[in-house]
PDB file of all heavy atoms in Angstrom:
ATOM      1  N   GLU A   1       0.829  -1.205   0.000  1.00  0.00           N
ATOM      2  CA  GLU A   1       0.000   0.000   0.000  1.00  0.00           C
ATOM      3  C   GLU A   1       0.864   1.257   0.000  1.00  0.00           C
ATOM      4  O   GLU A   1       0.536   2.256  -0.628  1.00  0.00           O
ATOM      5  CB  GLU A   1      -0.919  -0.036   1.221  1.00  0.00           C
ATOM      6  CG  GLU A   1      -2.037   0.993   1.208  1.00  0.00           C
ATOM      7  CD  GLU A   1      -1.630   2.310   1.882  1.00  0.00           C
ATOM      8  OE1 GLU A   1      -0.618   2.314   2.603  1.00  0.00           O
ATOM      9  OE2 GLU A   1      -2.332   3.310   1.662  1.00  0.00           O
ATOM     10  N   LYS A   2       2.007   1.204   0.692  1.00  0.00           N
ATOM     11  CA  LYS A   2       2.964   2.308   0.658  1.00  0.00           C
ATOM     12  C   LYS A   2       3.941   2.067  -0.484  1.00  0.00           C
ATOM     13  O   LYS A   2       4.671   1.081  -0.484  1.00  0.00           O
ATOM     14  CB  LYS A   2       3.721   2.399   1.983  1.00  0.00           C
ATOM     15  CG  LYS A   2       4.693   3.569   2.052  1.00  0.00           C
ATOM     16  CD  LYS A   2       5.396   3.614   3.402  1.00  0.00           C
ATOM     17  CE  LYS A   2       6.381   4.791   3.454  1.00  0.00           C
ATOM     18  NZ  LYS A   2       7.067   4.863   4.763  1.00  0.00           N
ATOM     19  N   PRO A   3       3.974   2.935  -1.471  1.00  0.00           N
ATOM     20  CA  PRO A   3       4.853   2.692  -2.625  1.00  0.00           C
ATOM     21  C   PRO A   3       6.319   2.708  -2.226  1.00  0.00           C
ATOM     22  O   PRO A   3       6.753   3.515  -1.404  1.00  0.00           O
ATOM     23  CB  PRO A   3       4.517   3.835  -3.580  1.00  0.00           C
ATOM     24  CG  PRO A   3       3.936   4.909  -2.711  1.00  0.00           C
ATOM     25  CD  PRO A   3       3.229   4.202  -1.607  1.00  0.00           C
ATOM     26  N   VAL A   4       7.074   1.804  -2.821  1.00  0.00           N
ATOM     27  CA  VAL A   4       8.512   1.719  -2.587  1.00  0.00           C
ATOM     28  C   VAL A   4       9.207   2.914  -3.242  1.00  0.00           C
ATOM     29  O   VAL A   4       8.794   3.375  -4.318  1.00  0.00           O
ATOM     30  CB  VAL A   4       9.049   0.386  -3.150  1.00  0.00           C
ATOM     31  CG1 VAL A   4      10.567   0.384  -3.222  1.00  0.00           C
ATOM     32  CG2 VAL A   4       8.549  -0.776  -2.302  1.00  0.00           C
ATOM     33  N   GLN A   5      10.259   3.402  -2.587  1.00  0.00           N
ATOM     34  CA  GLN A   5      11.044   4.512  -3.130  1.00  0.00           C
ATOM     35  C   GLN A   5      12.307   3.973  -3.811  1.00  0.00           C
ATOM     36  O   GLN A   5      12.756   2.862  -3.542  1.00  0.00           O
ATOM     37  CB  GLN A   5      11.432   5.481  -2.013  1.00  0.00           C
ATOM     38  CG  GLN A   5      10.240   6.088  -1.281  1.00  0.00           C
ATOM     39  CD  GLN A   5       9.316   6.864  -2.203  1.00  0.00           C
ATOM     40  OE1 GLN A   5       9.779   7.693  -2.990  1.00  0.00           O
ATOM     41  NE2 GLN A   5       8.017   6.598  -2.111  1.00  0.00           N
ATOM     42  N   HIS A   6      12.885   4.795  -4.665  1.00  0.00           N
ATOM     43  CA  HIS A   6      14.146   4.439  -5.317  1.00  0.00           C
ATOM     44  C   HIS A   6      15.223   4.130  -4.286  1.00  0.00           C
ATOM     45  O   HIS A   6      15.306   4.778  -3.238  1.00  0.00           O
ATOM     46  CB  HIS A   6      14.658   5.611  -6.167  1.00  0.00           C
ATOM     47  CG  HIS A   6      14.303   5.502  -7.607  1.00  0.00           C
ATOM     48  ND1 HIS A   6      13.504   6.414  -8.247  1.00  0.00           N
ATOM     49  CD2 HIS A   6      14.634   4.578  -8.543  1.00  0.00           C
ATOM     50  CE1 HIS A   6      13.358   6.081  -9.508  1.00  0.00           C
ATOM     51  NE2 HIS A   6      14.028   4.972  -9.721  1.00  0.00           N
ATOM     52  N   ALA A   7      16.059   3.140  -4.608  1.00  0.00           N
ATOM     53  CA  ALA A   7      17.250   2.927  -3.790  1.00  0.00           C
ATOM     54  C   ALA A   7      18.242   4.064  -4.053  1.00  0.00           C
ATOM     55  O   ALA A   7      18.118   4.789  -5.048  1.00  0.00           O
ATOM     56  CB  ALA A   7      17.889   1.582  -4.134  1.00  0.00           C
ATOM     57  N   ALA A   8      19.202   4.212  -3.158  1.00  0.00           N
ATOM     58  CA  ALA A   8      20.167   5.315  -3.276  1.00  0.00           C
ATOM     59  C   ALA A   8      20.876   5.289  -4.621  1.00  0.00           C
ATOM     60  O   ALA A   8      21.134   6.329  -5.227  1.00  0.00           O
ATOM     61  CB  ALA A   8      21.171   5.234  -2.133  1.00  0.00           C
ATOM     62  N   GLY A   9      21.201   4.107  -5.092  1.00  0.00           N
ATOM     63  CA  GLY A   9      21.899   4.002  -6.366  1.00  0.00           C
ATOM     64  C   GLY A   9      20.972   3.864  -7.553  1.00  0.00           C
ATOM     65  O   GLY A   9      21.424   3.603  -8.666  1.00  0.00           O
ATOM     66  N   GLY A  10      19.670   4.029  -7.340  1.00  0.00           N
ATOM     67  CA  GLY A  10      18.689   3.868  -8.408  1.00  0.00           C
ATOM     68  C   GLY A  10      18.087   2.480  -8.419  1.00  0.00           C
ATOM     69  O   GLY A  10      18.656   1.527  -7.882  1.00  0.00           O
ATOM     70  N   GLY A  11      16.935   2.348  -9.034  1.00  0.00           N
ATOM     71  CA  GLY A  11      16.271   1.051  -9.130  1.00  0.00           C
ATOM     72  C   GLY A  11      15.265   0.830  -8.012  1.00  0.00           C
ATOM     73  O   GLY A  11      15.359   1.412  -6.927  1.00  0.00           O
ATOM     74  N   TRP A  12      14.313  -0.054  -8.308  1.00  0.00           N
ATOM     75  CA  TRP A  12      13.231  -0.340  -7.371  1.00  0.00           C
ATOM     76  C   TRP A  12      13.411  -1.673  -6.651  1.00  0.00           C
ATOM     77  O   TRP A  12      12.797  -1.914  -5.616  1.00  0.00           O
ATOM     78  CB  TRP A  12      11.889  -0.396  -8.116  1.00  0.00           C
ATOM     79  CG  TRP A  12      11.570   0.789  -8.948  1.00  0.00           C
ATOM     80  CD1 TRP A  12      11.617   0.894 -10.307  1.00  0.00           C
ATOM     81  CD2 TRP A  12      11.144   2.080  -8.484  1.00  0.00           C
ATOM     82  NE1 TRP A  12      11.245   2.137 -10.728  1.00  0.00           N
ATOM     83  CE2 TRP A  12      10.946   2.895  -9.623  1.00  0.00           C
ATOM     84  CE3 TRP A  12      10.898   2.613  -7.211  1.00  0.00           C
ATOM     85  CZ2 TRP A  12      10.523   4.212  -9.533  1.00  0.00           C
ATOM     86  CZ3 TRP A  12      10.479   3.936  -7.128  1.00  0.00           C
ATOM     87  CH2 TRP A  12      10.292   4.723  -8.272  1.00  0.00           C
ATOM     88  N   LEU A  13      14.225  -2.564  -7.194  1.00  0.00           N
ATOM     89  CA  LEU A  13      14.236  -3.945  -6.725  1.00  0.00           C
ATOM     90  C   LEU A  13      14.743  -4.085  -5.290  1.00  0.00           C
ATOM     91  O   LEU A  13      14.131  -4.781  -4.480  1.00  0.00           O
ATOM     92  CB  LEU A  13      15.067  -4.822  -7.676  1.00  0.00           C
ATOM     93  CG  LEU A  13      15.125  -6.308  -7.312  1.00  0.00           C
ATOM     94  CD1 LEU A  13      13.734  -6.922  -7.296  1.00  0.00           C
ATOM     95  CD2 LEU A  13      16.022  -7.061  -8.286  1.00  0.00           C
ATOM     96  N   ASP A  14      15.869  -3.457  -4.968  1.00  0.00           N
ATOM     97  CA  ASP A  14      16.445  -3.642  -3.632  1.00  0.00           C
ATOM     98  C   ASP A  14      15.468  -3.255  -2.532  1.00  0.00           C
ATOM     99  O   ASP A  14      15.283  -3.992  -1.554  1.00  0.00           O
ATOM    100  CB  ASP A  14      17.741  -2.824  -3.498  1.00  0.00           C
ATOM    101  CG  ASP A  14      18.887  -3.412  -4.303  1.00  0.00           C
ATOM    102  OD1 ASP A  14      18.754  -4.569  -4.758  1.00  0.00           O
ATOM    103  OD2 ASP A  14      19.900  -2.717  -4.492  1.00  0.00           O
ATOM    104  N   ASN A  15      14.829  -2.115  -2.673  1.00  0.00           N
ATOM    105  CA  ASN A  15      13.873  -1.686  -1.653  1.00  0.00           C
ATOM    106  C   ASN A  15      12.581  -2.511  -1.703  1.00  0.00           C
ATOM    107  O   ASN A  15      11.888  -2.642  -0.691  1.00  0.00           O
ATOM    108  CB  ASN A  15      13.566  -0.201  -1.800  1.00  0.00           C
ATOM    109  CG  ASN A  15      14.672   0.671  -1.245  1.00  0.00           C
ATOM    110  OD1 ASN A  15      15.538   0.190  -0.518  1.00  0.00           O
ATOM    111  ND2 ASN A  15      14.668   1.959  -1.587  1.00  0.00           N
ATOM    112  N   SER A  16      12.262  -3.070  -2.875  1.00  0.00           N
ATOM    113  CA  SER A  16      11.096  -3.963  -2.968  1.00  0.00           C
ATOM    114  C   SER A  16      11.358  -5.255  -2.201  1.00  0.00           C
ATOM    115  O   SER A  16      10.477  -5.774  -1.504  1.00  0.00           O
ATOM    116  CB  SER A  16      10.775  -4.266  -4.432  1.00  0.00           C
ATOM    117  OG  SER A  16      10.376  -3.103  -5.125  1.00  0.00           O
ATOM    118  N   ILE A  17      12.584  -5.795  -2.338  1.00  0.00           N
ATOM    119  CA  ILE A  17      12.956  -6.998  -1.586  1.00  0.00           C
ATOM    120  C   ILE A  17      12.895  -6.716  -0.085  1.00  0.00           C
ATOM    121  O   ILE A  17      12.365  -7.518   0.701  1.00  0.00           O
ATOM    122  CB  ILE A  17      14.363  -7.472  -1.994  1.00  0.00           C
ATOM    123  CG1 ILE A  17      14.353  -7.971  -3.441  1.00  0.00           C
ATOM    124  CG2 ILE A  17      14.853  -8.570  -1.060  1.00  0.00           C
ATOM    125  CD1 ILE A  17      15.722  -8.327  -3.990  1.00  0.00           C
ATOM    126  N   LYS A  18      13.420  -5.570   0.305  1.00  0.00           N
ATOM    127  CA  LYS A  18      13.396  -5.189   1.724  1.00  0.00           C
ATOM    128  C   LYS A  18      11.964  -5.078   2.231  1.00  0.00           C
ATOM    129  O   LYS A  18      11.631  -5.597   3.312  1.00  0.00           O
ATOM    130  CB  LYS A  18      14.124  -3.861   1.910  1.00  0.00           C
ATOM    131  CG  LYS A  18      14.187  -3.384   3.353  1.00  0.00           C
ATOM    132  CD  LYS A  18      14.928  -2.052   3.452  1.00  0.00           C
ATOM    133  CE  LYS A  18      14.927  -1.554   4.903  1.00  0.00           C
ATOM    134  NZ  LYS A  18      15.603  -0.216   5.001  1.00  0.00           N
ATOM    135  N   ALA A  19      11.086  -4.441   1.458  1.00  0.00           N
ATOM    136  CA  ALA A  19       9.694  -4.280   1.869  1.00  0.00           C
ATOM    137  C   ALA A  19       8.977  -5.625   1.929  1.00  0.00           C
ATOM    138  O   ALA A  19       8.155  -5.868   2.825  1.00  0.00           O
ATOM    139  CB  ALA A  19       8.972  -3.339   0.899  1.00  0.00           C
ATOM    140  N   LEU A  20       9.275  -6.508   0.976  1.00  0.00           N
ATOM    141  CA  LEU A  20       8.667  -7.841   0.975  1.00  0.00           C
ATOM    142  C   LEU A  20       9.074  -8.616   2.230  1.00  0.00           C
ATOM    143  O   LEU A  20       8.226  -9.186   2.926  1.00  0.00           O
ATOM    144  CB  LEU A  20       9.085  -8.594  -0.283  1.00  0.00           C
ATOM    145  CG  LEU A  20       8.648 -10.056  -0.387  1.00  0.00           C
ATOM    146  CD1 LEU A  20       7.132 -10.173  -0.440  1.00  0.00           C
ATOM    147  CD2 LEU A  20       9.261 -10.728  -1.609  1.00  0.00           C
ATOM    148  N   ASN A  21      10.356  -8.637   2.530  1.00  0.00           N
ATOM    149  CA  ASN A  21      10.835  -9.389   3.691  1.00  0.00           C
ATOM    150  C   ASN A  21      10.297  -8.800   5.000  1.00  0.00           C
ATOM    151  O   ASN A  21       9.906  -9.539   5.909  1.00  0.00           O
ATOM    152  CB  ASN A  21      12.363  -9.410   3.706  1.00  0.00           C
ATOM    153  CG  ASN A  21      12.931 -10.315   2.628  1.00  0.00           C
ATOM    154  OD1 ASN A  21      12.284 -11.273   2.212  1.00  0.00           O
ATOM    155  ND2 ASN A  21      14.130 -10.013   2.162  1.00  0.00           N
ATOM    156  N   GLU A  22      10.274  -7.478   5.100  1.00  0.00           N
ATOM    157  CA  GLU A  22       9.745  -6.849   6.309  1.00  0.00           C
ATOM    158  C   GLU A  22       8.246  -7.110   6.455  1.00  0.00           C
ATOM    159  O   GLU A  22       7.755  -7.348   7.567  1.00  0.00           O
ATOM    160  CB  GLU A  22      10.025  -5.349   6.279  1.00  0.00           C
ATOM    161  CG  GLU A  22      11.493  -4.993   6.467  1.00  0.00           C
ATOM    162  CD  GLU A  22      11.751  -3.496   6.354  1.00  0.00           C
ATOM    163  OE1 GLU A  22      10.812  -2.764   5.947  1.00  0.00           O
ATOM    164  OE2 GLU A  22      12.879  -3.067   6.663  1.00  0.00           O
ATOM    165  N   GLY A  23       7.525  -7.081   5.347  1.00  0.00           N
ATOM    166  CA  GLY A  23       6.086  -7.334   5.397  1.00  0.00           C
ATOM    167  C   GLY A  23       5.765  -8.752   5.833  1.00  0.00           C
ATOM    168  O   GLY A  23       4.864  -8.973   6.648  1.00  0.00           O
ATOM    169  N   LEU A  24       6.490  -9.736   5.300  1.00  0.00           N
ATOM    170  CA  LEU A  24       6.255 -11.127   5.685  1.00  0.00           C
ATOM    171  C   LEU A  24       6.651 -11.370   7.137  1.00  0.00           C
ATOM    172  O   LEU A  24       5.973 -12.115   7.863  1.00  0.00           O
ATOM    173  CB  LEU A  24       7.028 -12.062   4.757  1.00  0.00           C
ATOM    174  CG  LEU A  24       6.531 -12.141   3.312  1.00  0.00           C
ATOM    175  CD1 LEU A  24       7.431 -13.053   2.482  1.00  0.00           C
ATOM    176  CD2 LEU A  24       5.090 -12.618   3.248  1.00  0.00           C
ATOM    177  N   ALA A  25       7.747 -10.741   7.570  1.00  0.00           N
ATOM    178  CA  ALA A  25       8.163 -10.887   8.965  1.00  0.00           C
ATOM    179  C   ALA A  25       7.114 -10.318   9.914  1.00  0.00           C
ATOM    180  O   ALA A  25       6.820 -10.899  10.966  1.00  0.00           O
ATOM    181  CB  ALA A  25       9.510 -10.201   9.176  1.00  0.00           C
ATOM    182  N   LEU A  26       6.523  -9.184   9.542  1.00  0.00           N
ATOM    183  CA  LEU A  26       5.478  -8.575  10.364  1.00  0.00           C
ATOM    184  C   LEU A  26       4.236  -9.454  10.404  1.00  0.00           C
ATOM    185  O   LEU A  26       3.626  -9.634  11.478  1.00  0.00           O
ATOM    186  CB  LEU A  26       5.138  -7.182   9.825  1.00  0.00           C
ATOM    187  CG  LEU A  26       4.046  -6.415  10.582  1.00  0.00           C
ATOM    188  CD1 LEU A  26       4.463  -6.183  12.036  1.00  0.00           C
ATOM    189  CD2 LEU A  26       3.745  -5.085   9.879  1.00  0.00           C
ATOM    190  N   GLN A  27       3.846 -10.003   9.256  1.00  0.00           N
ATOM    191  CA  GLN A  27       2.696 -10.914   9.229  1.00  0.00           C
ATOM    192  C   GLN A  27       2.909 -12.089  10.170  1.00  0.00           C
ATOM    193  O   GLN A  27       2.011 -12.464  10.933  1.00  0.00           O
ATOM    194  CB  GLN A  27       2.467 -11.431   7.799  1.00  0.00           C
ATOM    195  CG  GLN A  27       1.721 -10.484   6.891  1.00  0.00           C
ATOM    196  CD  GLN A  27       1.377 -11.142   5.569  1.00  0.00           C
ATOM    197  OE1 GLN A  27       1.869 -12.214   5.234  1.00  0.00           O
ATOM    198  NE2 GLN A  27       0.521 -10.493   4.794  1.00  0.00           N
ATOM    199  N   GLU A  28       4.093 -12.685  10.091  1.00  0.00           N
ATOM    200  CA  GLU A  28       4.374 -13.857  10.922  1.00  0.00           C
ATOM    201  C   GLU A  28       4.346 -13.494  12.406  1.00  0.00           C
ATOM    202  O   GLU A  28       3.829 -14.253  13.233  1.00  0.00           O
ATOM    203  CB  GLU A  28       5.728 -14.445  10.540  1.00  0.00           C
ATOM    204  CG  GLU A  28       6.060 -15.736  11.257  1.00  0.00           C
ATOM    205  CD  GLU A  28       7.270 -16.446  10.696  1.00  0.00           C
ATOM    206  OE1 GLU A  28       7.940 -15.881   9.803  1.00  0.00           O
ATOM    207  OE2 GLU A  28       7.555 -17.581  11.140  1.00  0.00           O
ATOM    208  N   LYS A  29       4.871 -12.329  12.742  1.00  0.00           N
ATOM    209  CA  LYS A  29       4.899 -11.904  14.143  1.00  0.00           C
ATOM    210  C   LYS A  29       3.492 -11.640  14.664  1.00  0.00           C
ATOM    211  O   LYS A  29       3.138 -12.049  15.775  1.00  0.00           O
ATOM    212  CB  LYS A  29       5.758 -10.653  14.277  1.00  0.00           C
ATOM    213  CG  LYS A  29       5.942 -10.165  15.709  1.00  0.00           C
ATOM    214  CD  LYS A  29       6.887  -8.977  15.758  1.00  0.00           C
ATOM    215  CE  LYS A  29       7.091  -8.508  17.199  1.00  0.00           C
ATOM    216  NZ  LYS A  29       8.026  -7.344  17.256  1.00  0.00           N
ATOM    217  N   LEU A  30       2.675 -10.955  13.867  1.00  0.00           N
ATOM    218  CA  LEU A  30       1.327 -10.609  14.298  1.00  0.00           C
ATOM    219  C   LEU A  30       0.409 -11.839  14.357  1.00  0.00           C
ATOM    220  O   LEU A  30      -0.427 -11.957  15.254  1.00  0.00           O
ATOM    221  CB  LEU A  30       0.727  -9.565  13.355  1.00  0.00           C
ATOM    222  CG  LEU A  30       1.379  -8.178  13.380  1.00  0.00           C
ATOM    223  CD1 LEU A  30       0.776  -7.284  12.308  1.00  0.00           C
ATOM    224  CD2 LEU A  30       1.222  -7.531  14.760  1.00  0.00           C
ATOM    225  N   ALA A  31       0.557 -12.753  13.399  1.00  0.00           N
ATOM    226  CA  ALA A  31      -0.315 -13.941  13.363  1.00  0.00           C
ATOM    227  C   ALA A  31       0.076 -14.959  14.421  1.00  0.00           C
ATOM    228  O   ALA A  31      -0.762 -15.756  14.862  1.00  0.00           O
ATOM    229  CB  ALA A  31      -0.264 -14.578  11.977  1.00  0.00           C
ATOM    230  N   GLY A  32       1.339 -14.958  14.835  1.00  0.00           N
ATOM    231  CA  GLY A  32       1.785 -15.860  15.894  1.00  0.00           C
ATOM    232  C   GLY A  32       1.517 -17.317  15.572  1.00  0.00           C
ATOM    233  O   GLY A  32       1.876 -17.814  14.506  1.00  0.00           O
ATOM    234  N   SER A  33       0.844 -18.004  16.492  1.00  0.00           N
ATOM    235  CA  SER A  33       0.592 -19.434  16.322  1.00  0.00           C
ATOM    236  C   SER A  33      -0.348 -19.727  15.166  1.00  0.00           C
ATOM    237  O   SER A  33      -0.424 -20.858  14.686  1.00  0.00           O
ATOM    238  CB  SER A  33       0.011 -20.019  17.608  1.00  0.00           C
ATOM    239  OG  SER A  33      -1.233 -19.392  17.915  1.00  0.00           O
ATOM    240  N   LEU A  34      -1.088 -18.711  14.695  1.00  0.00           N
ATOM    241  CA  LEU A  34      -2.023 -18.914  13.583  1.00  0.00           C
ATOM    242  C   LEU A  34      -1.339 -18.782  12.226  1.00  0.00           C
ATOM    243  O   LEU A  34      -1.990 -18.968  11.204  1.00  0.00           O
ATOM    244  CB  LEU A  34      -3.179 -17.911  13.670  1.00  0.00           C
ATOM    245  CG  LEU A  34      -4.054 -18.000  14.925  1.00  0.00           C
ATOM    246  CD1 LEU A  34      -5.181 -16.976  14.845  1.00  0.00           C
ATOM    247  CD2 LEU A  34      -4.635 -19.409  15.079  1.00  0.00           C
ATOM    248  N   TYR A  35      -0.062 -18.447  12.216  1.00  0.00           N
ATOM    249  CA  TYR A  35       0.647 -18.292  10.941  1.00  0.00           C
ATOM    250  C   TYR A  35       0.815 -19.643  10.252  1.00  0.00           C
ATOM    251  O   TYR A  35       0.716 -19.740   9.027  1.00  0.00           O
ATOM    252  CB  TYR A  35       2.010 -17.647  11.180  1.00  0.00           C
ATOM    253  CG  TYR A  35       2.654 -17.109   9.925  1.00  0.00           C
ATOM    254  CD1 TYR A  35       2.060 -16.080   9.203  1.00  0.00           C
ATOM    255  CD2 TYR A  35       3.856 -17.618   9.460  1.00  0.00           C
ATOM    256  CE1 TYR A  35       2.647 -15.572   8.054  1.00  0.00           C
ATOM    257  CE2 TYR A  35       4.461 -17.121   8.314  1.00  0.00           C
ATOM    258  CZ  TYR A  35       3.844 -16.095   7.612  1.00  0.00           C
ATOM    259  OH  TYR A  35       4.435 -15.596   6.473  1.00  0.00           O
ATOM    260  N   GLY A  36       1.081 -20.676  11.028  1.00  0.00           N
ATOM    261  CA  GLY A  36       1.048 -22.042  10.513  1.00  0.00           C
ATOM    262  C   GLY A  36       2.097 -22.383   9.480  1.00  0.00           C
ATOM    263  O   GLY A  36       1.839 -23.212   8.593  1.00  0.00           O
ATOM    264  N   LYS A  37       3.284 -21.773   9.560  1.00  0.00           N
ATOM    265  CA  LYS A  37       4.309 -22.062   8.554  1.00  0.00           C
ATOM    266  C   LYS A  37       4.899 -23.446   8.763  1.00  0.00           C
ATOM    267  O   LYS A  37       5.293 -23.809   9.866  1.00  0.00           O
ATOM    268  CB  LYS A  37       5.419 -21.013   8.608  1.00  0.00           C
ATOM    269  CG  LYS A  37       6.469 -21.181   7.513  1.00  0.00           C
ATOM    270  CD  LYS A  37       7.396 -19.981   7.405  1.00  0.00           C
ATOM    271  CE  LYS A  37       8.342 -19.896   8.580  1.00  0.00           C
ATOM    272  NZ  LYS A  37       9.349 -18.803   8.408  1.00  0.00           N
ATOM    273  N   ILE A  38       4.970 -24.212   7.681  1.00  0.00           N
ATOM    274  CA  ILE A  38       5.500 -25.573   7.729  1.00  0.00           C
ATOM    275  C   ILE A  38       6.863 -25.650   7.047  1.00  0.00           C
ATOM    276  O   ILE A  38       7.771 -26.341   7.511  1.00  0.00           O
ATOM    277  CB  ILE A  38       4.503 -26.547   7.062  1.00  0.00           C
ATOM    278  CG1 ILE A  38       3.212 -26.602   7.886  1.00  0.00           C
ATOM    279  CG2 ILE A  38       5.105 -27.939   6.902  1.00  0.00           C
ATOM    280  CD1 ILE A  38       2.083 -27.325   7.215  1.00  0.00           C
ATOM    281  N   ALA A  39       7.004 -24.960   5.919  1.00  0.00           N
ATOM    282  CA  ALA A  39       8.271 -24.969   5.186  1.00  0.00           C
ATOM    283  C   ALA A  39       8.371 -23.685   4.382  1.00  0.00           C
ATOM    284  O   ALA A  39       7.362 -23.017   4.118  1.00  0.00           O
ATOM    285  CB  ALA A  39       8.361 -26.185   4.263  1.00  0.00           C
ATOM    286  N   GLU A  40       9.601 -23.338   3.999  1.00  0.00           N
ATOM    287  CA  GLU A  40       9.798 -22.112   3.234  1.00  0.00           C
ATOM    288  C   GLU A  40      11.010 -22.257   2.329  1.00  0.00           C
ATOM    289  O   GLU A  40      12.009 -22.877   2.700  1.00  0.00           O
ATOM    290  CB  GLU A  40      10.001 -20.911   4.160  1.00  0.00           C
ATOM    291  CG  GLU A  40      10.232 -19.607   3.414  1.00  0.00           C
ATOM    292  CD  GLU A  40      10.355 -18.414   4.340  1.00  0.00           C
ATOM    293  OE1 GLU A  40      10.240 -18.590   5.574  1.00  0.00           O
ATOM    294  OE2 GLU A  40      10.574 -17.306   3.814  1.00  0.00           O
ATOM    295  N   ALA A  41      10.897 -21.677   1.140  1.00  0.00           N
ATOM    296  CA  ALA A  41      12.023 -21.624   0.199  1.00  0.00           C
ATOM    297  C   ALA A  41      12.204 -20.186  -0.249  1.00  0.00           C
ATOM    298  O   ALA A  41      11.225 -19.441  -0.390  1.00  0.00           O
ATOM    299  CB  ALA A  41      11.760 -22.516  -1.009  1.00  0.00           C
ATOM    300  N   THR A  42      13.445 -19.795  -0.453  1.00  0.00           N
ATOM    301  CA  THR A  42      13.757 -18.472  -0.983  1.00  0.00           C
ATOM    302  C   THR A  42      14.422 -18.639  -2.342  1.00  0.00           C
ATOM    303  O   THR A  42      15.355 -19.422  -2.481  1.00  0.00           O
ATOM    304  CB  THR A  42      14.695 -17.698  -0.035  1.00  0.00           C
ATOM    305  OG1 THR A  42      14.048 -17.535   1.227  1.00  0.00           O
ATOM    306  CG2 THR A  42      15.025 -16.324  -0.610  1.00  0.00           C
ATOM    307  N   TYR A  43      13.903 -17.900  -3.308  1.00  0.00           N
ATOM    308  CA  TYR A  43      14.502 -17.892  -4.644  1.00  0.00           C
ATOM    309  C   TYR A  43      15.295 -16.606  -4.795  1.00  0.00           C
ATOM    310  O   TYR A  43      14.785 -15.508  -4.541  1.00  0.00           O
ATOM    311  CB  TYR A  43      13.414 -17.966  -5.718  1.00  0.00           C
ATOM    312  CG  TYR A  43      13.926 -17.709  -7.121  1.00  0.00           C
ATOM    313  CD1 TYR A  43      14.362 -18.750  -7.922  1.00  0.00           C
ATOM    314  CD2 TYR A  43      13.990 -16.412  -7.633  1.00  0.00           C
ATOM    315  CE1 TYR A  43      14.842 -18.520  -9.204  1.00  0.00           C
ATOM    316  CE2 TYR A  43      14.470 -16.174  -8.908  1.00  0.00           C
ATOM    317  CZ  TYR A  43      14.898 -17.231  -9.695  1.00  0.00           C
ATOM    318  OH  TYR A  43      15.380 -16.989 -10.966  1.00  0.00           O
ATOM    319  N   GLY A  44      16.536 -16.722  -5.212  1.00  0.00           N
ATOM    320  CA  GLY A  44      17.355 -15.547  -5.446  1.00  0.00           C
ATOM    321  C   GLY A  44      18.614 -15.572  -4.612  1.00  0.00           C
ATOM    322  O   GLY A  44      18.569 -15.815  -3.410  1.00  0.00           O
ATOM    323  N   LEU A  45      19.713 -15.357  -5.256  1.00  0.00           N
ATOM    324  CA  LEU A  45      21.009 -15.361  -4.585  1.00  0.00           C
ATOM    325  C   LEU A  45      21.240 -13.997  -3.912  1.00  0.00           C
ATOM    326  O   LEU A  45      20.675 -13.001  -4.327  1.00  0.00           O
ATOM    327  CB  LEU A  45      22.110 -15.667  -5.608  1.00  0.00           C
ATOM    328  CG  LEU A  45      21.951 -17.012  -6.332  1.00  0.00           C
ATOM    329  CD1 LEU A  45      23.011 -17.141  -7.422  1.00  0.00           C
ATOM    330  CD2 LEU A  45      22.041 -18.168  -5.357  1.00  0.00           C
TER     331      LEU A  45
END
């Protein structure tokens, strides 16, 4: 909902990755035991 801003060196991707990871971490923290995560994979080096 809050648009990502340009990274210092230009581009949208780095700050998009940061926003994605922070958003998922917040969801997991707020949902607690109801988050129900069983397994996870990350794509991208």
